[in-house]
Amino acid sequence: MNQSLPSLGRISKAVIPAAGLGTRFLPATKATPKEMLPVVDKPAIQYVVEEAVAAGLSDVLMITGRNKRPLEDHFDRNYELEEALSRKGDDERLSKVQESSDLATMHYVRQGAPRGLGHAVLCAAPHVGEQPFAVLLGDDLIDPRDPLLSRMVEVQEREGGSVIALMEVEPSQIHLYGCAAVEATVDSDVVKVTDLVEKPDAGEAPSNYAIIGRYVLDPAVFGMLRETEPGRGGEIQLTDALQKLASDEKIGGPVHGVVFKGRRYDTGDRGDYLRAIVRLACEREDLGPDFRAWLRRYVSEEM
């Protein structure tokens, strides 16, 4: 059967790899998963799950590892805490506590050995089955006012195959990302991907379109991942499997890219993590006015 045909029915499953060690945030992540580090007053991972749910993906599978039990606890019920808040009549905080456990149907599977993003995605194969699915990386927070995933789902359901998120970066930064060679389409924000290169040197990059942490994938990617040899560091690269799909549409349909120009927060870098907290706090109705006033005073005093 030709899997390049658009899928029947709406995509409902999201996969969130969350098995990383978070070494860039040590010692904070020695006992706390990096995904649970707060961004203002919610853990970073909750923003990602909320994004999946907003795009209509109600079934979420997290790929976890050792010391990741707090992720499961966060999205589970905490009856003792809920009862204590209920007795106090603290309905506002009670609602916030219950919100995370009511977001989606959550599932968990352990990756075992840390063998890269491609291996983490492959761990989702038994759960996903033969339907297209989304992959969301926890280090990338996409502002809900600039929906990306829902647009990617729309493109995948129309075109079939797989869809990746792209963002233009400075040529000097392209070596930090997977990079796509592209062709224009009739949609200004959609390109057809003809080739993919993982972290190319600036002079060898086919474009300045960098892959960011959102994917909507045809299940044919699992077959490609099983055939993909480990690369640098013994890791199986998702980019390598997608490159094979882009080079032969008969395997699993075309690969398209949605070019994102909205607000993205990188919580995998310490500096960007702090900037994300400041930006989001400044824009909160409950925190923003006082926080912005303090920030102006602080900056003026430090200049």
Protein backbone atom coordinates (compact mmCIF):
# COMPACT_ATOMS: atom_id res chain seq x y z
CA MET A 1 0.00 0.00 0.00
CA ASN A 2 1.31 3.47 -0.84
CA GLN A 3 1.64 5.27 2.48
CA SER A 4 2.11 8.63 0.79
CA LEU A 5 -1.64 9.16 0.60
CA PRO A 6 -3.06 11.60 3.17
CA SER A 7 -4.15 9.84 6.33
CA LEU A 8 -7.77 9.14 7.09
CA GLY A 9 -9.00 10.64 10.34
CA ARG A 10 -7.43 13.27 12.49
CA ILE A 11 -4.02 12.75 14.07
CA SER A 12 -4.50 12.14 17.78
CA LYS A 13 -1.18 10.89 19.19
CA ALA A 14 1.78 12.96 20.36
CA VAL A 15 5.18 11.66 21.43
CA ILE A 16 7.38 13.68 23.78
CA PRO A 17 10.95 12.42 24.26
CA ALA A 18 11.96 13.20 27.84
CA ALA A 19 14.80 10.84 28.68
CA GLY A 20 17.68 13.34 28.57
CA LEU A 21 19.94 13.89 31.56
CA GLY A 22 19.81 17.70 31.49
CA THR A 23 23.54 18.03 32.11
CA ARG A 24 23.60 21.70 31.08
CA PHE A 25 21.53 22.52 34.17
CA LEU A 26 23.53 20.62 36.77
CA PRO A 27 23.40 20.61 39.74
CA ALA A 28 19.72 21.63 39.54
CA THR A 29 18.94 18.52 37.50
CA LYS A 30 20.85 16.07 39.68
CA ALA A 31 17.60 14.92 41.31
CA THR A 32 15.00 16.91 39.35
CA PRO A 33 14.24 16.18 35.67
CA LYS A 34 15.08 19.18 33.48
CA GLU A 35 11.54 18.99 32.08
CA MET A 36 10.24 19.82 35.56
CA LEU A 37 12.21 23.05 35.92
CA PRO A 38 9.66 25.86 36.34
CA VAL A 39 8.97 28.44 33.66
CA VAL A 40 7.32 31.09 35.83
CA ASP A 41 4.91 28.83 37.76
CA LYS A 42 4.50 25.75 35.56
CA PRO A 43 7.09 23.10 34.69
CA ALA A 44 8.40 23.40 31.14
CA ILE A 45 6.91 20.05 30.15
CA GLN A 46 3.37 21.20 30.91
CA TYR A 47 3.61 23.93 28.27
CA VAL A 48 4.53 21.25 25.72
CA VAL A 49 1.62 18.98 26.66
CA GLU A 50 -0.75 21.96 26.53
CA GLU A 51 0.48 22.74 23.02
CA ALA A 52 -0.23 19.17 21.89
CA VAL A 53 -3.72 19.28 23.39
CA ALA A 54 -4.44 22.67 21.77
CA ALA A 55 -3.63 21.07 18.39
CA GLY A 56 -6.17 18.32 19.02
CA LEU A 57 -3.75 15.61 20.19
CA SER A 58 -5.39 14.00 23.21
CA ASP A 59 -3.14 10.91 23.50
CA VAL A 60 0.36 11.72 24.78
CA LEU A 61 3.23 9.25 25.12
CA MET A 62 6.33 10.35 27.03
CA ILE A 63 9.61 8.58 26.40
CA THR A 64 11.33 8.65 29.77
CA GLY A 65 14.39 7.27 31.54
CA ARG A 66 15.73 6.83 35.04
CA ASN A 67 14.85 9.52 37.62
CA LYS A 68 11.89 10.74 35.56
CA ARG A 69 9.17 9.62 37.96
CA PRO A 70 8.29 13.26 38.85
CA LEU A 71 6.97 13.64 35.28
CA GLU A 72 4.45 10.89 35.86
CA ASP A 73 3.53 12.27 39.28
CA HIS A 74 2.94 15.76 37.87
CA PHE A 75 0.37 14.55 35.35
CA ASP A 76 -1.29 12.21 37.87
CA ARG A 77 -3.80 13.07 40.58
CA ASN A 78 -2.52 14.15 44.01
CA TYR A 79 -5.50 13.40 46.20
CA GLU A 80 -3.91 14.47 49.49
CA LEU A 81 -2.95 17.89 48.11
CA GLU A 82 -6.33 18.30 46.43
CA GLU A 83 -8.14 17.43 49.67
CA ALA A 84 -6.01 19.90 51.65
CA LEU A 85 -6.74 22.71 49.19
CA SER A 86 -10.42 21.79 49.13
CA ARG A 87 -10.66 21.99 52.93
CA LYS A 88 -9.08 25.43 52.82
CA GLY A 89 -11.53 26.55 50.17
CA ASP A 90 -8.60 27.43 47.91
CA ASP A 91 -10.44 26.76 44.66
CA GLU A 92 -7.99 28.73 42.52
CA ARG A 93 -4.96 26.63 43.44
CA LEU A 94 -7.06 23.46 43.43
CA SER A 95 -8.01 24.17 39.83
CA LYS A 96 -4.37 24.68 38.87
CA VAL A 97 -3.33 21.43 40.53
CA GLN A 98 -6.08 19.46 38.79
CA GLU A 99 -5.42 21.08 35.43
CA SER A 100 -2.30 19.06 34.67
CA SER A 101 -3.94 15.71 35.46
CA ASP A 102 -6.96 16.49 33.27
CA LEU A 103 -5.04 17.67 30.19
CA ALA A 104 -4.72 14.45 28.19
CA THR A 105 -4.53 10.67 28.32
CA MET A 106 -0.92 10.14 29.37
CA HIS A 107 1.27 7.11 28.68
CA TYR A 108 4.91 6.41 29.51
CA VAL A 109 7.63 4.12 28.19
CA ARG A 110 11.30 3.98 29.15
CA GLN A 111 13.94 4.43 26.51
CA GLY A 112 16.58 2.46 28.40
CA ALA A 113 19.96 3.25 26.86
CA PRO A 114 20.30 6.90 25.72
CA ARG A 115 20.78 6.22 22.02
CA GLY A 116 19.54 9.48 20.55
CA LEU A 117 16.35 11.13 19.36
CA GLY A 118 15.80 8.63 16.58
CA HIS A 119 15.90 5.74 19.05
CA ALA A 120 13.54 7.59 21.40
CA VAL A 121 11.02 8.01 18.58
CA LEU A 122 11.41 4.34 17.66
CA CYS A 123 10.43 3.42 21.22
CA ALA A 124 6.99 4.86 20.41
CA ALA A 125 6.30 2.43 17.54
CA PRO A 126 4.19 -0.11 19.49
CA HIS A 127 2.01 2.68 20.89
CA VAL A 128 1.63 4.69 17.70
CA GLY A 129 0.92 1.83 15.31
CA GLU A 130 0.29 2.66 11.66
CA GLN A 131 -1.03 6.20 12.00
CA PRO A 132 0.77 9.52 11.56
CA PHE A 133 1.79 11.11 14.84
CA ALA A 134 3.43 14.22 16.25
CA VAL A 135 6.75 14.54 18.05
CA LEU A 136 7.35 17.51 20.36
CA LEU A 137 10.75 18.19 21.91
CA GLY A 138 10.54 19.57 25.42
CA ASP A 139 13.35 22.12 25.05
CA ASP A 140 11.34 24.14 22.53
CA LEU A 141 8.39 26.11 23.91
CA ILE A 142 6.16 27.60 21.22
CA ASP A 143 4.07 30.59 22.25
CA PRO A 144 0.37 29.58 22.14
CA ARG A 145 -0.42 32.85 20.38
CA ASP A 146 1.65 31.63 17.41
CA PRO A 147 0.23 28.16 16.71
CA LEU A 148 2.66 25.91 14.87
CA LEU A 149 1.67 22.32 15.53
CA SER A 150 -1.92 22.76 14.38
CA ARG A 151 -0.65 24.19 11.08
CA MET A 152 1.71 21.22 10.69
CA VAL A 153 -1.14 18.77 11.31
CA GLU A 154 -3.21 20.60 8.69
CA VAL A 155 -0.42 20.33 6.11
CA GLN A 156 0.18 16.64 6.85
CA GLU A 157 -3.49 15.76 6.52
CA ARG A 158 -3.60 17.56 3.18
CA GLU A 159 -0.28 16.41 1.69
CA GLY A 160 0.42 13.12 3.47
CA GLY A 161 3.95 12.07 4.34
CA SER A 162 5.80 13.94 7.08
CA VAL A 163 6.05 17.58 8.10
CA ILE A 164 8.88 19.22 10.02
CA ALA A 165 9.09 22.66 11.64
CA LEU A 166 11.69 25.03 10.19
CA MET A 167 12.98 28.40 11.32
CA GLU A 168 15.39 30.72 9.56
CA VAL A 169 18.59 31.28 11.56
CA GLU A 170 21.77 33.22 11.00
CA PRO A 171 24.19 31.27 8.75
CA SER A 172 26.74 31.34 11.58
CA GLN A 173 24.28 29.38 13.76
CA ILE A 174 23.21 26.69 11.30
CA HIS A 175 25.89 24.27 12.52
CA LEU A 176 23.90 23.91 15.74
CA TYR A 177 20.86 22.44 13.95
CA GLY A 178 19.66 19.97 11.41
CA CYS A 179 19.35 21.85 8.12
CA ALA A 180 16.91 21.44 5.20
CA ALA A 181 17.30 21.92 1.46
CA VAL A 182 13.91 23.14 0.25
CA GLU A 183 11.74 24.06 -2.71
CA ALA A 184 8.96 26.66 -2.60
CA THR A 185 5.28 25.67 -2.76
CA VAL A 186 2.11 27.66 -3.40
CA ASP A 187 1.84 28.34 0.35
CA SER A 188 4.22 31.03 1.57
CA ASP A 189 4.81 29.24 4.89
CA VAL A 190 5.22 25.73 3.45
CA VAL A 191 8.23 24.30 1.60
CA LYS A 192 9.00 20.90 0.16
CA VAL A 193 12.06 19.32 1.73
CA THR A 194 14.45 17.69 -0.74
CA ASP A 195 17.39 16.94 1.57
CA LEU A 196 18.40 17.12 5.22
CA VAL A 197 21.83 17.49 6.80
CA GLU A 198 22.56 17.15 10.52
CA LYS A 199 24.59 20.08 11.90
CA PRO A 200 26.45 21.09 8.72
CA ASP A 201 29.37 23.52 8.59
CA ALA A 202 28.21 27.00 7.60
CA GLY A 203 29.90 26.77 4.21
CA GLU A 204 28.26 23.42 3.42
CA ALA A 205 24.72 24.11 4.61
CA PRO A 206 22.10 23.90 1.82
CA SER A 207 20.09 26.76 3.39
CA ASN A 208 19.61 28.66 6.63
CA TYR A 209 16.41 26.75 7.41
CA ALA A 210 16.99 25.02 10.74
CA ILE A 211 14.88 22.15 12.06
CA ILE A 212 13.24 23.00 15.38
CA GLY A 213 11.60 20.59 17.79
CA ARG A 214 8.25 19.84 16.16
CA TYR A 215 7.50 16.99 13.76
CA VAL A 216 4.42 15.32 12.31
CA LEU A 217 5.59 11.96 11.01
CA ASP A 218 4.34 9.21 8.77
CA PRO A 219 4.71 5.80 10.48
CA ALA A 220 7.09 4.78 7.66
CA VAL A 221 9.71 6.62 9.70
CA PHE A 222 9.89 3.64 12.06
CA GLY A 223 11.16 1.39 9.28
CA MET A 224 13.78 3.96 8.34
CA LEU A 225 14.90 4.29 11.96
CA ARG A 226 15.32 0.53 12.29
CA GLU A 227 17.67 0.67 9.29
CA THR A 228 19.55 3.78 10.40
CA GLU A 229 23.05 3.12 11.68
CA PRO A 230 24.15 4.94 14.85
CA GLY A 231 26.16 8.06 14.12
CA ARG A 232 28.26 10.32 16.29
CA GLY A 233 28.22 9.30 19.94
CA GLY A 234 26.45 6.06 19.07
CA GLU A 235 23.16 7.89 18.59
CA ILE A 236 20.46 7.17 16.00
CA GLN A 237 19.56 10.46 14.33
CA LEU A 238 15.95 11.21 13.40
CA THR A 239 17.29 13.57 10.72
CA ASP A 240 18.96 10.63 8.93
CA ALA A 241 15.69 8.72 8.73
CA LEU A 242 13.81 11.79 7.49
CA GLN A 243 16.50 12.35 4.86
CA LYS A 244 15.75 8.89 3.45
CA LEU A 245 12.02 9.66 3.36
CA ALA A 246 12.68 12.99 1.59
CA SER A 247 14.83 11.29 -1.05
CA ASP A 248 12.24 8.61 -1.92
CA GLU A 249 8.57 9.56 -1.65
CA LYS A 250 7.50 5.99 -2.42
CA ILE A 251 8.64 4.92 1.06
CA GLY A 252 6.39 7.15 3.12
CA GLY A 253 5.26 10.14 1.14
CA PRO A 254 6.86 13.56 0.76
CA VAL A 255 8.49 15.62 3.48
CA HIS A 256 7.27 19.19 3.85
CA GLY A 257 8.37 21.96 6.15
CA VAL A 258 6.32 24.66 7.85
CA VAL A 259 8.40 27.82 8.20
CA PHE A 260 7.76 29.27 11.65
CA LYS A 261 8.21 32.98 12.28
CA GLY A 262 6.54 33.21 15.67
CA ARG A 263 7.76 33.27 19.25
CA ARG A 264 9.87 30.31 20.37
CA TYR A 265 11.59 29.87 23.72
CA ASP A 266 14.57 27.55 24.06
CA THR A 267 14.59 26.14 27.59
CA GLY A 268 17.50 23.81 26.88
CA ASP A 269 20.05 26.63 27.17
CA ARG A 270 20.54 28.38 30.50
CA GLY A 271 20.58 31.89 29.09
CA ASP A 272 17.56 31.30 26.85
CA TYR A 273 15.77 29.60 29.72
CA LEU A 274 16.15 32.73 31.85
CA ARG A 275 15.08 34.95 28.97
CA ALA A 276 12.01 32.79 28.44
CA ILE A 277 10.99 33.21 32.08
CA VAL A 278 11.44 36.99 31.91
CA ARG A 279 9.50 37.33 28.66
CA LEU A 280 6.61 35.16 29.78
CA ALA A 281 6.44 36.78 33.22
CA CYS A 282 6.39 40.25 31.64
CA GLU A 283 3.39 39.26 29.52
CA ARG A 284 1.33 37.79 32.36
CA GLU A 285 -1.64 39.92 33.43
CA ASP A 286 -1.20 38.94 37.07
CA LEU A 287 2.58 39.39 37.23
CA GLY A 288 3.50 41.61 34.30
CA PRO A 289 2.79 45.17 35.51
CA ASP A 290 4.74 44.93 38.79
CA PHE A 291 7.48 42.76 37.28
CA ARG A 292 8.03 45.10 34.31
CA ALA A 293 8.23 48.10 36.62
CA TRP A 294 10.83 46.36 38.79
CA LEU A 295 12.76 45.23 35.71
CA ARG A 296 12.95 48.80 34.36
CA ARG A 297 14.29 50.03 37.68
CA TYR A 298 16.79 47.22 37.89
CA VAL A 299 18.09 47.72 34.35
CA SER A 300 18.36 51.50 34.78
CA GLU A 301 20.32 51.07 38.02
CA GLU A 302 22.70 48.56 36.41
CA MET A 303 23.43 50.64 33.30
